[in-house]
Protein backbone atom coordinates (compact mmCIF):
# COMPACT_ATOMS: atom_id res chain seq x y z
CA MET A 1 82.04 109.06 99.48
CA ASP A 2 82.92 111.25 102.65
CA ILE A 3 82.02 110.12 105.81
CA THR A 4 82.79 111.24 109.26
CA ILE A 5 85.05 110.02 111.68
CA LYS A 6 84.91 110.99 115.58
CA PHE A 7 87.53 109.93 118.16
CA PHE A 8 87.54 109.57 121.80
CA GLY A 9 90.26 109.28 124.69
CA LEU A 10 94.07 107.96 123.95
CA LEU A 11 93.00 107.79 119.99
CA THR A 12 92.24 111.13 119.81
CA GLU A 13 95.82 111.93 121.44
CA ALA A 14 97.33 109.13 119.10
CA ILE A 15 95.98 111.15 115.95
CA GLN A 16 96.40 114.59 116.99
CA GLN A 17 92.11 115.00 116.39
CA GLU A 18 89.03 114.23 117.59
CA GLN A 19 87.70 114.42 114.18
CA ILE A 20 88.11 113.98 110.48
CA ILE A 21 86.20 113.23 107.00
CA LEU A 22 87.20 110.13 105.15
CA THR A 23 86.84 109.85 101.53
CA LEU A 24 85.71 105.78 101.23
CA LYS A 25 84.56 103.44 98.40
CA GLU A 26 80.63 102.52 98.48
CA HIS A 27 79.43 99.59 100.30
CA CYS A 28 82.76 99.81 102.37
CA THR A 29 82.72 97.80 105.38
CA ALA A 30 83.92 98.78 109.20
CA GLN A 31 86.95 95.94 108.28
CA ASP A 32 87.81 98.07 105.10
CA LEU A 33 87.20 100.91 107.09
CA THR A 34 89.26 99.77 110.01
CA ASN A 35 92.34 98.94 107.67
CA THR A 36 91.93 102.23 105.79
CA LEU A 37 92.27 104.07 109.41
CA LEU A 38 96.01 101.81 109.90
CA ARG A 39 97.13 102.89 106.71
CA THR A 40 96.22 106.18 107.35
CA PHE A 41 97.06 107.09 110.74
CA PRO A 42 100.51 104.43 111.66
CA ALA A 43 99.89 105.74 115.21
CA LEU A 44 97.20 103.70 115.23
CA GLU A 45 98.88 100.14 114.86
CA GLY A 46 98.87 98.57 117.88
CA LYS A 47 96.09 100.26 119.60
CA GLU A 48 93.37 98.60 120.91
CA PHE A 49 89.60 100.05 119.36
CA LYS A 50 86.37 99.25 118.70
CA LEU A 51 84.05 101.40 115.58
CA ALA A 52 80.58 102.35 116.76
CA VAL A 53 77.93 102.91 114.00
CA ASN A 54 75.01 104.97 114.74
CA LYS A 55 76.08 104.65 118.44
CA ASN A 56 76.06 100.56 118.16
CA ILE A 57 79.20 98.77 118.34
CA VAL A 58 79.77 96.42 115.05
CA THR A 59 81.83 93.80 113.79
CA GLU A 60 84.05 93.93 110.57
CA ASN A 61 81.59 92.74 107.86
CA VAL A 62 78.81 95.64 108.38
CA VAL A 63 78.46 97.63 105.24
CA ILE A 64 79.14 101.62 106.11
CA LEU A 65 76.69 103.78 104.32
CA PRO A 66 76.91 107.29 103.85
CA THR A 67 74.46 108.77 106.67
CA ASP A 68 76.28 106.56 109.24
CA GLU A 69 77.56 108.11 112.35
CA LEU A 70 80.87 106.68 112.95
CA ALA A 71 82.96 106.74 116.43
CA LEU A 72 86.24 104.84 117.24
CA LEU A 73 86.36 104.08 120.97
CA PRO A 74 89.02 103.16 122.85
CA PRO A 75 88.96 100.13 125.36
CA PHE A 76 87.07 102.08 128.82
CA ALA A 77 86.42 100.73 132.12
CA GLY A 78 83.14 101.23 133.82
CA GLY A 79 81.22 99.14 136.51
């Protein structure tokens, strides 16, 4: 399945793109996606980020669906 992933902040700078389309296997988990991203973009190695699926930060065992909206979010401060 092909899925679009948006990147923000320092992650955009690291991979030099704001979004990508990545081909994933069916029933891919968030952890599978993270592993694929680290293999595809070595510049992400050592960077801290969270995966948001449909605007919610998820755990590594969540299954990614073809209709999901994905984003990689760097650490951020708020207050």
